[in-house]
C-alpha cells in the first residue's frame, strides 16, 4: 500500500502548487479531485485535458494514483465527462476512478443500470470504477453498497470509513466490503465531528490496514483533510502521513 493525499487538502490552489506543497510534506502520490471547489471542474476538464496530462507527466515528485469525480450523477453531460476522465486516467496510467452514488429515492434498478454503463465506459481504458461510501447517498449502508457490487460486475468500492461513523451512536460494520475495495480515503473522525484532529478520533487505522492487507489490497490510502479552525492543515497532513506509514 502507498500513502497519498487528496488535492482537496490544499484548496483554491493551482494543481502545480498543490503538487509542490504535498512534496514538501514528503508525500509522493496524490489523488486528484475533479469538481466541487477544485481547480479542475468537470465543465472545464476537456479544455484542460492536455495541460493536466503534461503537468502529471513532468512532475518529478508527485505521482497521481487516483481520480475522484465530485459531480452529481444526474448533471448534464455526466457520461461524456466521465469518459473524458477515463481517457485522462489512461494517458497518465491511473487505474482507480471514484464516482459518487445517486441520492436516496433513485430507483435501485436505475442506479444499477447507470453503474453498469460507467463500468462499461471505463473498461476500454483499463480504469476500475470505485463507488464511494457516503452518508446521505444510496451508499449510506454497507448492505446497499454490497448489493450494488453484487449486481454490477467489475464495480469496486472507494471506502471512506468516516461516513459510517459520523452522527451514529455505533459505527456501521463495513468489514464485509473490504474484499471489493479499490480505493481508500481517510481522516480521523468521531460521532460528533466528521473530521477531527489526527489522533483525537476513533478510526482504528492500524486495524483497517491489517484487514485490507488480508484481502490482498495493495492500493492507495488517500488522506483527505479539510482546513479545521485552529488547526494547522499542513501539520495535520504531516501527522497523518506519519501515522499511516507507521502502520504499513
Protein backbone atom coordinates (compact mmCIF):
# COMPACT_ATOMS: atom_id res chain seq x y z
CA UNK A 1 0.00 0.00 0.00
CA UNK A 2 1.03 3.59 -0.53
CA UNK A 3 0.04 6.75 1.30
CA UNK A 4 -1.31 9.53 -0.91
CA UNK A 5 -3.01 12.88 -0.35
CA UNK A 6 -6.09 14.31 -1.99
CA UNK A 7 -5.66 17.54 -3.90
CA UNK A 8 -8.68 18.85 -1.98
CA UNK A 9 -6.41 19.10 1.08
CA UNK A 10 -4.94 22.26 -0.45
CA UNK A 11 -7.95 24.24 -1.68
CA UNK A 12 -8.00 27.24 -4.00
CA UNK A 13 -4.52 26.49 -5.31
CA UNK A 14 -3.26 25.65 -8.83
CA UNK A 15 -2.54 21.96 -9.31
CA UNK A 16 1.18 22.50 -9.84
CA UNK A 17 1.43 24.33 -6.49
CA UNK A 18 -0.60 21.61 -4.77
CA UNK A 19 1.91 19.05 -6.01
CA UNK A 20 4.77 21.20 -4.67
CA UNK A 21 3.17 21.56 -1.23
CA UNK A 22 2.47 17.84 -0.97
CA UNK A 23 6.04 17.06 -2.00
CA UNK A 24 7.30 19.43 0.72
CA UNK A 25 5.31 17.31 3.20
CA UNK A 26 7.09 14.22 1.77
CA UNK A 27 4.05 12.79 0.02
CA UNK A 28 4.93 11.03 -3.21
CA UNK A 29 1.42 10.27 -4.52
CA UNK A 30 -1.81 12.18 -4.98
CA UNK A 31 -5.50 11.60 -5.61
CA UNK A 32 -6.73 14.29 -8.00
CA UNK A 33 -10.23 15.57 -7.30
CA UNK A 34 -12.26 16.80 -10.27
CA UNK A 35 -15.20 19.04 -9.43
CA UNK A 36 -16.60 20.55 -6.28
CA UNK A 37 -14.48 23.61 -5.44
CA UNK A 38 -11.40 22.17 -7.10
CA UNK A 39 -9.20 23.92 -9.64
CA UNK A 40 -10.27 21.45 -12.32
CA UNK A 41 -14.03 21.50 -12.74
CA UNK A 42 -15.97 18.85 -14.65
CA UNK A 43 -17.10 21.52 -17.11
CA UNK A 44 -13.52 22.54 -17.95
CA UNK A 45 -11.96 19.07 -17.82
CA UNK A 46 -11.94 18.71 -21.58
CA UNK A 47 -10.34 22.11 -22.21
CA UNK A 48 -7.67 21.47 -19.54
CA UNK A 49 -7.02 17.91 -20.67
CA UNK A 50 -3.64 18.44 -22.37
CA UNK A 51 -2.38 20.75 -19.61
CA UNK A 52 -3.21 18.24 -16.88
CA UNK A 53 -1.59 15.38 -18.82
CA UNK A 54 1.56 17.43 -19.32
CA UNK A 55 1.72 18.51 -15.66
CA UNK A 56 1.29 14.95 -14.39
CA UNK A 57 3.95 13.67 -16.76
CA UNK A 58 6.60 16.25 -15.89
CA UNK A 59 6.00 16.24 -12.13
CA UNK A 60 9.11 14.69 -10.61
CA UNK A 61 7.91 14.43 -7.05
CA UNK A 62 4.20 13.55 -7.12
CA UNK A 63 2.64 10.59 -8.93
CA UNK A 64 -1.15 10.67 -9.49
CA UNK A 65 -2.63 7.38 -8.31
CA UNK A 66 -6.39 8.02 -8.47
CA UNK A 67 -9.13 10.40 -9.55
CA UNK A 68 -12.26 11.39 -7.62
CA UNK A 69 -15.12 12.72 -9.73
CA UNK A 70 -17.03 15.11 -7.49
CA UNK A 71 -20.06 15.60 -9.72
CA UNK A 72 -23.74 14.83 -9.33
CA UNK A 73 -24.66 11.68 -11.27
CA UNK A 74 -27.63 13.39 -12.87
CA UNK A 75 -25.78 16.52 -14.00
CA UNK A 76 -25.78 17.45 -17.66
CA UNK A 77 -23.11 15.70 -19.74
CA UNK A 78 -22.07 13.34 -16.96
CA UNK A 79 -21.34 10.38 -19.26
CA UNK A 80 -19.18 12.48 -21.58
CA UNK A 81 -17.37 13.98 -18.59
CA UNK A 82 -16.72 10.53 -17.16
CA UNK A 83 -15.43 9.25 -20.50
CA UNK A 84 -13.02 12.18 -20.73
CA UNK A 85 -11.77 11.45 -17.23
CA UNK A 86 -11.20 7.79 -18.11
CA UNK A 87 -9.23 8.87 -21.17
CA UNK A 88 -7.15 11.17 -18.97
CA UNK A 89 -6.59 8.36 -16.46
CA UNK A 90 -5.31 6.07 -19.21
CA UNK A 91 -2.94 8.74 -20.51
CA UNK A 92 -1.24 9.11 -17.12
CA UNK A 93 -1.55 5.45 -16.13
CA UNK A 94 -4.12 5.85 -13.35
CA UNK A 95 -6.41 2.89 -12.71
CA UNK A 96 -8.71 3.97 -9.87
CA UNK A 97 -11.54 6.44 -10.53
CA UNK A 98 -14.10 7.16 -7.82
CA UNK A 99 -17.69 8.23 -8.50
CA UNK A 100 -20.48 9.25 -6.16
CA UNK A 101 -23.73 7.34 -5.77
CA UNK A 102 -27.10 8.84 -6.61
CA UNK A 103 -29.33 10.39 -3.97
CA UNK A 104 -31.86 8.35 -1.98
CA UNK A 105 -35.13 7.98 -3.84
CA UNK A 106 -33.42 6.99 -7.06
CA UNK A 107 -34.87 3.65 -8.22
CA UNK A 108 -32.44 0.84 -7.39
CA UNK A 109 -32.56 -0.69 -10.88
CA UNK A 110 -31.95 2.72 -12.43
CA UNK A 111 -28.79 3.12 -10.37
CA UNK A 112 -27.69 -0.39 -11.31
CA UNK A 113 -28.05 0.48 -14.99
CA UNK A 114 -26.12 3.74 -14.52
CA UNK A 115 -23.26 1.98 -12.76
CA UNK A 116 -23.12 -0.75 -15.39
CA UNK A 117 -22.80 1.94 -18.04
CA UNK A 118 -19.91 3.56 -16.16
CA UNK A 119 -18.07 0.26 -15.79
CA UNK A 120 -18.60 -0.38 -19.50
CA UNK A 121 -17.25 3.07 -20.43
CA UNK A 122 -14.23 2.63 -18.15
CA UNK A 123 -13.19 -0.86 -19.26
CA UNK A 124 -11.53 0.05 -22.61
CA UNK A 125 -9.28 2.49 -20.75
CA UNK A 126 -8.19 -0.01 -18.12
CA UNK A 127 -9.99 2.01 -15.43
CA UNK A 128 -11.61 0.47 -12.35
CA UNK A 129 -14.69 2.34 -11.08
CA UNK A 130 -14.98 2.70 -7.32
CA UNK A 131 -18.34 3.71 -5.83
CA UNK A 132 -17.82 5.97 -2.82
CA UNK A 133 -19.21 5.16 0.60
CA UNK A 134 -21.13 8.29 1.52
CA UNK A 135 -23.82 9.18 4.02
CA UNK A 136 -26.89 10.80 2.52
CA UNK A 137 -26.43 8.79 -0.68
CA UNK A 138 -27.54 5.37 -1.84
CA UNK A 139 -24.29 4.00 -0.38
CA UNK A 140 -25.41 5.10 3.07
CA UNK A 141 -25.34 1.49 4.30
CA UNK A 142 -22.76 -1.26 3.70
CA UNK A 143 -25.57 -3.64 2.75
CA UNK A 144 -26.79 -1.48 -0.13
CA UNK A 145 -23.26 -0.89 -1.35
CA UNK A 146 -22.58 -4.62 -1.32
CA UNK A 147 -25.76 -5.17 -3.30
CA UNK A 148 -24.52 -2.77 -5.98
CA UNK A 149 -21.26 -4.70 -6.26
CA UNK A 150 -23.16 -7.99 -6.46
CA UNK A 151 -25.26 -6.67 -9.34
CA UNK A 152 -22.62 -4.73 -11.27
CA UNK A 153 -19.75 -6.90 -12.43
CA UNK A 154 -16.43 -5.10 -12.19
CA UNK A 155 -17.63 -2.39 -9.80
CA UNK A 156 -15.32 -1.61 -6.90
CA UNK A 157 -15.69 0.34 -3.66
CA UNK A 158 -13.96 3.50 -2.53
CA UNK A 159 -14.02 3.09 1.23
CA UNK A 160 -14.31 6.18 3.41
CA UNK A 161 -14.89 4.94 6.99
CA UNK A 162 -15.84 8.39 8.29
CA UNK A 163 -19.27 8.12 6.65
CA UNK A 164 -20.01 5.02 8.70
CA UNK A 165 -19.00 6.72 11.98
CA UNK A 166 -20.18 10.33 11.94
CA UNK A 167 -23.55 11.09 13.60
CA UNK A 168 -24.04 7.46 14.61
CA UNK A 169 -24.36 6.04 18.11
CA UNK A 170 -22.48 2.98 16.93
CA UNK A 171 -20.20 2.79 13.84
CA UNK A 172 -21.52 0.64 11.00
CA UNK A 173 -19.68 -2.61 10.35
CA UNK A 174 -18.12 -2.39 6.88
CA UNK A 175 -15.74 -5.36 7.04
CA UNK A 176 -17.84 -7.30 4.54
CA UNK A 177 -16.97 -4.65 1.93
CA UNK A 178 -13.20 -4.90 2.20
CA UNK A 179 -12.73 -7.58 -0.44
CA UNK A 180 -14.27 -5.21 -3.02
CA UNK A 181 -12.24 -2.11 -2.07
CA UNK A 182 -10.33 -0.46 -4.91
CA UNK A 183 -9.52 2.86 -3.18
CA UNK A 184 -9.43 4.19 0.40
CA UNK A 185 -9.94 7.76 1.64
CA UNK A 186 -9.08 8.61 5.24
CA UNK A 187 -9.26 11.20 8.02
CA UNK A 188 -9.81 10.89 11.77
CA UNK A 189 -13.46 11.07 12.86
CA UNK A 190 -15.75 10.96 15.88
CA UNK A 191 -19.50 10.59 16.15
CA UNK A 192 -19.65 14.36 16.71
CA UNK A 193 -17.06 15.53 14.17
CA UNK A 194 -16.74 14.30 10.60
CA UNK A 195 -13.13 15.43 10.71
CA UNK A 196 -11.20 16.00 13.91
CA UNK A 197 -7.53 16.48 14.64
CA UNK A 198 -5.36 13.49 13.88
CA UNK A 199 -5.26 11.15 16.87
CA UNK A 200 -8.39 12.54 18.54
CA UNK A 201 -10.87 10.36 16.65
CA UNK A 202 -11.93 6.73 16.80
CA UNK A 203 -10.76 5.47 13.40
CA UNK A 204 -8.51 2.45 14.03
CA UNK A 205 -6.13 2.95 11.13
CA UNK A 206 -3.81 0.12 12.13
CA UNK A 207 -6.60 -2.44 12.27
CA UNK A 208 -8.08 -1.24 8.98
CA UNK A 209 -4.72 -1.55 7.22
CA UNK A 210 -4.22 -5.05 8.64
CA UNK A 211 -7.65 -6.13 7.40
CA UNK A 212 -7.01 -4.61 3.96
CA UNK A 213 -3.70 -6.47 3.72
CA UNK A 214 -5.52 -9.73 4.43
CA UNK A 215 -7.88 -9.13 1.49
CA UNK A 216 -4.95 -8.50 -0.83
CA UNK A 217 -5.49 -4.75 -1.17
CA UNK A 218 -2.28 -3.01 -2.27
CA UNK A 219 -3.70 0.29 -3.50
CA UNK A 220 -3.57 3.82 -2.13
CA UNK A 221 -4.60 5.22 1.22
CA UNK A 222 -5.59 8.77 0.34
CA UNK A 223 -5.52 11.36 3.10
CA UNK A 224 -8.47 13.72 2.71
CA UNK A 225 -8.26 16.57 5.22
CA UNK A 226 -10.07 19.88 5.00
CA UNK A 227 -8.90 23.01 6.88
CA UNK A 228 -10.05 22.93 10.54
CA UNK A 229 -10.50 26.06 12.68
CA UNK A 230 -7.48 26.46 14.95
CA UNK A 231 -5.53 23.67 13.30
CA UNK A 232 -2.51 23.83 11.00
CA UNK A 233 -3.62 21.81 7.97
CA UNK A 234 -0.09 21.18 6.74
CA UNK A 235 0.92 19.91 10.16
CA UNK A 236 -2.14 17.65 10.25
CA UNK A 237 -1.25 16.30 6.81
CA UNK A 238 2.26 15.53 8.00
CA UNK A 239 0.98 13.77 11.14
CA UNK A 240 -1.48 11.73 9.12
CA UNK A 241 1.27 10.57 6.78
CA UNK A 242 3.45 9.53 9.70
CA UNK A 243 0.56 7.69 11.32
CA UNK A 244 -0.37 5.72 8.22
CA UNK A 245 3.17 4.93 7.13
CA UNK A 246 3.99 3.62 10.59
CA UNK A 247 1.14 1.12 10.22
CA UNK A 248 2.26 -0.24 6.85
